[in-house]
Amino acid sequence: MASSRMNDDETKLWLRLLGCSSQIAREINRRLRDRFEYSLARLHVLEALSASRRGMALSQLANALMVPQSNVTALVNELVRIGHVQRVTAEADRRVQVVLLTKAGKAVLRRLRAEQTRSLSALFLDVPRKDIASLLTDLTGFERVVSANLQLNGKRRIAPKRRRQPQPKPPRRRLAAQSRSKE
């Protein structure tokens, strides 16, 4: 029973985290689309590129965003078309395309960050500061443990099968007729 309960709790935790994340992302995406005709996915690309002064190859960008390279290629194509990023050929390897933020991309990123901050503030308005701080601490530790479990000498860890604890057998009851016949 303990094993089953543990699996149920792990599943509930994962679903709760996923549900909260999805709701927040959906609302921020809606606000960005309504106010800027911009998607959260595009914002993530700009954020990743802003962290790199030299730009990033598409494969690096895909790894940073944890999405397939084909998704990144489509987003970068859109961002190039609207002038928020540019592609340049890498000096070290002419076969590699590096993606960089443009001035227009940096300017829109500042506005998008401000909108994201306003949106998050509105969504978390009724959550006490101490609860946010506590949750942030807990989730940071949780993330470290999960990351460590995913990387054991570069291999994915598999949780050992938990043995089910045998349930104690209920005492055998004698039927009233059996008890009388033995007396």
C-alpha atoms as a PDB file:
ATOM      1  CA  MET A   1       0.000   0.000   0.000  1.00  0.00           C
ATOM      2  CA  ALA A   2       2.869   2.382   0.806  1.00  0.00           C
ATOM      3  CA  SER A   3       4.368   1.842  -2.652  1.00  0.00           C
ATOM      4  CA  SER A   4       1.064   2.570  -4.326  1.00  0.00           C
ATOM      5  CA  ARG A   5       0.580   5.686  -2.206  1.00  0.00           C
ATOM      6  CA  MET A   6       4.088   6.913  -3.067  1.00  0.00           C
ATOM      7  CA  ASN A   7       3.416   6.487  -6.791  1.00  0.00           C
ATOM      8  CA  ASP A   8       0.075   8.248  -6.419  1.00  0.00           C
ATOM      9  CA  ASP A   9       1.725  11.176  -4.589  1.00  0.00           C
ATOM     10  CA  GLU A  10       4.469  11.444  -7.213  1.00  0.00           C
ATOM     11  CA  THR A  11       1.887  11.453  -9.987  1.00  0.00           C
ATOM     12  CA  LYS A  12      -0.259  14.035  -8.178  1.00  0.00           C
ATOM     13  CA  LEU A  13       2.783  16.269  -7.636  1.00  0.00           C
ATOM     14  CA  TRP A  14       3.782  16.062 -11.287  1.00  0.00           C
ATOM     15  CA  LEU A  15       0.239  16.779 -12.458  1.00  0.00           C
ATOM     16  CA  ARG A  16      -0.097  19.716 -10.041  1.00  0.00           C
ATOM     17  CA  LEU A  17       3.207  21.249 -11.230  1.00  0.00           C
ATOM     18  CA  LEU A  18       2.244  20.698 -14.849  1.00  0.00           C
ATOM     19  CA  GLY A  19      -1.223  22.154 -14.318  1.00  0.00           C
ATOM     20  CA  CYS A  20       0.048  25.317 -12.610  1.00  0.00           C
ATOM     21  CA  SER A  21       2.744  25.819 -15.220  1.00  0.00           C
ATOM     22  CA  SER A  22       0.294  25.330 -18.083  1.00  0.00           C
ATOM     23  CA  GLN A  23      -2.264  27.747 -16.654  1.00  0.00           C
ATOM     24  CA  ILE A  24       0.340  30.465 -16.090  1.00  0.00           C
ATOM     25  CA  ALA A  25       1.944  29.963 -19.508  1.00  0.00           C
ATOM     26  CA  ARG A  26      -1.457  30.025 -21.222  1.00  0.00           C
ATOM     27  CA  GLU A  27      -2.380  33.327 -19.537  1.00  0.00           C
ATOM     28  CA  ILE A  28       0.946  35.006 -20.267  1.00  0.00           C
ATOM     29  CA  ASN A  29       0.781  33.791 -23.856  1.00  0.00           C
ATOM     30  CA  ARG A  30      -2.744  35.235 -24.174  1.00  0.00           C
ATOM     31  CA  ARG A  31      -1.641  38.601 -22.804  1.00  0.00           C
ATOM     32  CA  LEU A  32       1.406  38.742 -25.083  1.00  0.00           C
ATOM     33  CA  ARG A  33      -0.727  37.905 -28.115  1.00  0.00           C
ATOM     34  CA  ASP A  34      -3.407  40.447 -27.185  1.00  0.00           C
ATOM     35  CA  ARG A  35      -1.012  43.313 -26.495  1.00  0.00           C
ATOM     36  CA  PHE A  36       1.955  42.610 -28.781  1.00  0.00           C
ATOM     37  CA  GLU A  37       0.850  39.950 -31.277  1.00  0.00           C
ATOM     38  CA  TYR A  38       3.727  37.911 -29.871  1.00  0.00           C
ATOM     39  CA  SER A  39       3.913  34.366 -28.524  1.00  0.00           C
ATOM     40  CA  LEU A  40       5.511  33.090 -25.359  1.00  0.00           C
ATOM     41  CA  ALA A  41       7.616  30.729 -27.506  1.00  0.00           C
ATOM     42  CA  ARG A  42       9.076  33.708 -29.387  1.00  0.00           C
ATOM     43  CA  LEU A  43       9.783  35.432 -26.078  1.00  0.00           C
ATOM     44  CA  HIS A  44      11.667  32.341 -24.904  1.00  0.00           C
ATOM     45  CA  VAL A  45      13.864  32.478 -28.011  1.00  0.00           C
ATOM     46  CA  LEU A  46      14.655  36.154 -27.402  1.00  0.00           C
ATOM     47  CA  GLU A  47      15.394  35.439 -23.718  1.00  0.00           C
ATOM     48  CA  ALA A  48      17.798  32.622 -24.597  1.00  0.00           C
ATOM     49  CA  LEU A  49      19.575  34.766 -27.182  1.00  0.00           C
ATOM     50  CA  SER A  50      19.850  37.707 -24.790  1.00  0.00           C
ATOM     51  CA  ALA A  51      21.906  35.511 -22.448  1.00  0.00           C
ATOM     52  CA  SER A  52      24.518  34.951 -25.151  1.00  0.00           C
ATOM     53  CA  ARG A  53      26.570  37.881 -26.441  1.00  0.00           C
ATOM     54  CA  ARG A  54      27.960  35.863 -29.348  1.00  0.00           C
ATOM     55  CA  GLY A  55      24.642  34.420 -30.415  1.00  0.00           C
ATOM     56  CA  MET A  56      23.772  30.759 -30.601  1.00  0.00           C
ATOM     57  CA  ALA A  57      23.729  28.062 -33.223  1.00  0.00           C
ATOM     58  CA  LEU A  58      20.271  26.604 -33.829  1.00  0.00           C
ATOM     59  CA  SER A  59      21.280  23.360 -32.104  1.00  0.00           C
ATOM     60  CA  GLN A  60      22.480  25.270 -29.019  1.00  0.00           C
ATOM     61  CA  LEU A  61      19.269  27.284 -28.975  1.00  0.00           C
ATOM     62  CA  ALA A  62      17.186  24.115 -29.231  1.00  0.00           C
ATOM     63  CA  ASN A  63      19.112  22.588 -26.311  1.00  0.00           C
ATOM     64  CA  ALA A  64      18.724  25.750 -24.218  1.00  0.00           C
ATOM     65  CA  LEU A  65      14.969  25.789 -24.844  1.00  0.00           C
ATOM     66  CA  MET A  66      14.647  21.990 -24.526  1.00  0.00           C
ATOM     67  CA  VAL A  67      12.681  21.708 -27.761  1.00  0.00           C
ATOM     68  CA  PRO A  68      13.362  20.003 -31.110  1.00  0.00           C
ATOM     69  CA  GLN A  69      15.561  21.934 -33.522  1.00  0.00           C
ATOM     70  CA  SER A  70      12.758  21.967 -36.100  1.00  0.00           C
ATOM     71  CA  ASN A  71      10.599  24.015 -33.683  1.00  0.00           C
ATOM     72  CA  VAL A  72      13.446  26.479 -33.143  1.00  0.00           C
ATOM     73  CA  THR A  73      14.047  26.790 -36.881  1.00  0.00           C
ATOM     74  CA  ALA A  74      10.425  27.765 -37.479  1.00  0.00           C
ATOM     75  CA  LEU A  75      10.484  30.329 -34.638  1.00  0.00           C
ATOM     76  CA  VAL A  76      13.799  31.801 -35.820  1.00  0.00           C
ATOM     77  CA  ASN A  77      12.420  32.081 -39.372  1.00  0.00           C
ATOM     78  CA  GLU A  78       9.487  34.118 -38.028  1.00  0.00           C
ATOM     79  CA  LEU A  79      11.768  36.312 -35.911  1.00  0.00           C
ATOM     80  CA  VAL A  80      14.133  36.935 -38.854  1.00  0.00           C
ATOM     81  CA  ARG A  81      11.145  37.906 -41.015  1.00  0.00           C
ATOM     82  CA  ILE A  82      10.004  40.547 -38.493  1.00  0.00           C
ATOM     83  CA  GLY A  83      13.546  41.778 -37.876  1.00  0.00           C
ATOM     84  CA  HIS A  84      14.003  40.731 -34.239  1.00  0.00           C
ATOM     85  CA  VAL A  85      16.883  38.318 -34.891  1.00  0.00           C
ATOM     86  CA  GLN A  86      19.424  37.808 -37.625  1.00  0.00           C
ATOM     87  CA  ARG A  87      21.347  34.820 -38.893  1.00  0.00           C
ATOM     88  CA  VAL A  88      25.074  35.028 -39.530  1.00  0.00           C
ATOM     89  CA  THR A  89      27.576  32.420 -40.615  1.00  0.00           C
ATOM     90  CA  ALA A  90      29.849  31.189 -37.820  1.00  0.00           C
ATOM     91  CA  GLU A  91      33.472  32.176 -38.295  1.00  0.00           C
ATOM     92  CA  ALA A  92      34.826  28.877 -36.955  1.00  0.00           C
ATOM     93  CA  ASP A  93      32.584  26.682 -39.114  1.00  0.00           C
ATOM     94  CA  ARG A  94      31.043  28.198 -42.239  1.00  0.00           C
ATOM     95  CA  ARG A  95      28.360  25.480 -42.256  1.00  0.00           C
ATOM     96  CA  VAL A  96      26.891  26.716 -38.959  1.00  0.00           C
ATOM     97  CA  GLN A  97      24.367  29.529 -38.755  1.00  0.00           C
ATOM     98  CA  VAL A  98      24.466  31.651 -35.579  1.00  0.00           C
ATOM     99  CA  VAL A  99      21.363  33.530 -34.465  1.00  0.00           C
ATOM    100  CA  LEU A 100      21.747  37.000 -32.880  1.00  0.00           C
ATOM    101  CA  LEU A 101      19.320  39.530 -31.417  1.00  0.00           C
ATOM    102  CA  THR A 102      18.914  42.727 -33.414  1.00  0.00           C
ATOM    103  CA  LYS A 103      18.406  46.167 -31.869  1.00  0.00           C
ATOM    104  CA  ALA A 104      14.710  45.852 -32.632  1.00  0.00           C
ATOM    105  CA  GLY A 105      14.710  42.438 -30.938  1.00  0.00           C
ATOM    106  CA  LYS A 106      16.376  43.877 -27.824  1.00  0.00           C
ATOM    107  CA  ALA A 107      13.824  46.699 -27.703  1.00  0.00           C
ATOM    108  CA  VAL A 108      10.827  44.377 -28.014  1.00  0.00           C
ATOM    109  CA  LEU A 109      12.372  42.041 -25.432  1.00  0.00           C
ATOM    110  CA  ARG A 110      12.419  44.872 -22.875  1.00  0.00           C
ATOM    111  CA  ARG A 111       8.712  45.561 -23.496  1.00  0.00           C
ATOM    112  CA  LEU A 112       7.825  41.849 -23.382  1.00  0.00           C
ATOM    113  CA  ARG A 113       9.716  41.358 -20.117  1.00  0.00           C
ATOM    114  CA  ALA A 114       7.820  44.266 -18.578  1.00  0.00           C
ATOM    115  CA  GLU A 115       4.502  42.765 -19.705  1.00  0.00           C
ATOM    116  CA  GLN A 116       5.481  39.343 -18.385  1.00  0.00           C
ATOM    117  CA  THR A 117       6.373  40.891 -15.009  1.00  0.00           C
ATOM    118  CA  ARG A 118       3.015  42.700 -14.877  1.00  0.00           C
ATOM    119  CA  SER A 119       1.184  39.514 -15.810  1.00  0.00           C
ATOM    120  CA  LEU A 120       2.946  37.443 -13.158  1.00  0.00           C
ATOM    121  CA  SER A 121       2.349  40.122 -10.541  1.00  0.00           C
ATOM    122  CA  ALA A 122      -1.358  40.088 -11.365  1.00  0.00           C
ATOM    123  CA  LEU A 123      -1.536  36.287 -11.264  1.00  0.00           C
ATOM    124  CA  PHE A 124       0.301  36.054  -7.929  1.00  0.00           C
ATOM    125  CA  LEU A 125      -1.329  39.108  -6.343  1.00  0.00           C
ATOM    126  CA  ASP A 126      -3.102  37.160  -3.611  1.00  0.00           C
ATOM    127  CA  VAL A 127      -0.202  34.821  -2.820  1.00  0.00           C
ATOM    128  CA  PRO A 128       1.670  35.957   0.311  1.00  0.00           C
ATOM    129  CA  ARG A 129       5.336  36.861  -0.258  1.00  0.00           C
ATOM    130  CA  LYS A 130       6.500  34.348   2.338  1.00  0.00           C
ATOM    131  CA  ASP A 131       4.629  31.573   0.498  1.00  0.00           C
ATOM    132  CA  ILE A 132       6.294  32.535  -2.785  1.00  0.00           C
ATOM    133  CA  ALA A 133       9.730  32.553  -1.106  1.00  0.00           C
ATOM    134  CA  SER A 134       9.088  29.197   0.563  1.00  0.00           C
ATOM    135  CA  LEU A 135       7.796  27.584  -2.618  1.00  0.00           C
ATOM    136  CA  LEU A 136      10.739  28.937  -4.586  1.00  0.00           C
ATOM    137  CA  THR A 137      13.166  27.415  -2.071  1.00  0.00           C
ATOM    138  CA  ASP A 138      11.347  24.076  -2.085  1.00  0.00           C
ATOM    139  CA  LEU A 139      11.126  23.913  -5.878  1.00  0.00           C
ATOM    140  CA  THR A 140      14.800  24.832  -6.265  1.00  0.00           C
ATOM    141  CA  GLY A 141      15.766  21.888  -4.086  1.00  0.00           C
ATOM    142  CA  PHE A 142      13.252  19.666  -5.853  1.00  0.00           C
ATOM    143  CA  GLU A 143      14.692  20.654  -9.243  1.00  0.00           C
ATOM    144  CA  ARG A 144      18.227  19.806  -8.081  1.00  0.00           C
ATOM    145  CA  VAL A 145      17.145  16.352  -6.931  1.00  0.00           C
ATOM    146  CA  VAL A 146      15.246  15.619 -10.141  1.00  0.00           C
ATOM    147  CA  SER A 147      18.182  16.829 -12.270  1.00  0.00           C
ATOM    148  CA  ALA A 148      20.602  14.672 -10.281  1.00  0.00           C
ATOM    149  CA  ASN A 149      18.352  11.652 -10.732  1.00  0.00           C
ATOM    150  CA  LEU A 150      18.287  12.232 -14.492  1.00  0.00           C
ATOM    151  CA  GLN A 151      22.065  12.330 -14.728  1.00  0.00           C
ATOM    152  CA  LEU A 152      23.908   9.433 -13.232  1.00  0.00           C
ATOM    153  CA  ASN A 153      27.163   9.165 -15.177  1.00  0.00           C
ATOM    154  CA  GLY A 154      25.353  10.546 -18.206  1.00  0.00           C
ATOM    155  CA  LYS A 155      22.732   7.796 -18.076  1.00  0.00           C
ATOM    156  CA  ARG A 156      19.096   8.012 -17.175  1.00  0.00           C
ATOM    157  CA  ARG A 157      18.299   6.481 -13.837  1.00  0.00           C
ATOM    158  CA  ILE A 158      15.492   4.051 -13.463  1.00  0.00           C
ATOM    159  CA  ALA A 159      13.819   3.861 -10.107  1.00  0.00           C
ATOM    160  CA  PRO A 160      14.106   0.436  -8.562  1.00  0.00           C
ATOM    161  CA  LYS A 161      10.906  -1.519  -8.432  1.00  0.00           C
ATOM    162  CA  ARG A 162       9.383  -1.132  -5.060  1.00  0.00           C
ATOM    163  CA  ARG A 163       8.346  -4.342  -3.434  1.00  0.00           C
ATOM    164  CA  ARG A 164       4.805  -4.422  -2.280  1.00  0.00           C
ATOM    165  CA  GLN A 165       4.567  -4.973   1.395  1.00  0.00           C
ATOM    166  CA  PRO A 166       2.501  -8.068   2.100  1.00  0.00           C
ATOM    167  CA  GLN A 167      -0.750  -7.199   3.748  1.00  0.00           C
ATOM    168  CA  PRO A 168      -1.267  -8.887   7.106  1.00  0.00           C
ATOM    169  CA  LYS A 169      -3.854 -11.577   6.878  1.00  0.00           C
ATOM    170  CA  PRO A 170      -6.927 -10.966   8.956  1.00  0.00           C
ATOM    171  CA  PRO A 171      -7.437 -13.509  11.745  1.00  0.00           C
ATOM    172  CA  ARG A 172      -9.591 -16.394  10.752  1.00  0.00           C
ATOM    173  CA  ARG A 173     -13.028 -16.222  12.215  1.00  0.00           C
ATOM    174  CA  ARG A 174     -14.832 -19.210  13.395  1.00  0.00           C
ATOM    175  CA  LEU A 175     -18.403 -19.529  12.563  1.00  0.00           C
ATOM    176  CA  ALA A 176     -20.695 -19.773  15.550  1.00  0.00           C
ATOM    177  CA  ALA A 177     -21.766 -23.277  14.435  1.00  0.00           C
ATOM    178  CA  GLN A 178     -18.118 -24.419  14.294  1.00  0.00           C
ATOM    179  CA  SER A 179     -17.368 -23.063  17.765  1.00  0.00           C
ATOM    180  CA  ARG A 180     -20.350 -24.879  19.306  1.00  0.00           C
ATOM    181  CA  SER A 181     -19.596 -28.164  17.639  1.00  0.00           C
ATOM    182  CA  LYS A 182     -16.090 -28.238  19.180  1.00  0.00           C
ATOM    183  CA  GLU A 183     -17.350 -27.590  22.684  1.00  0.00           C
END
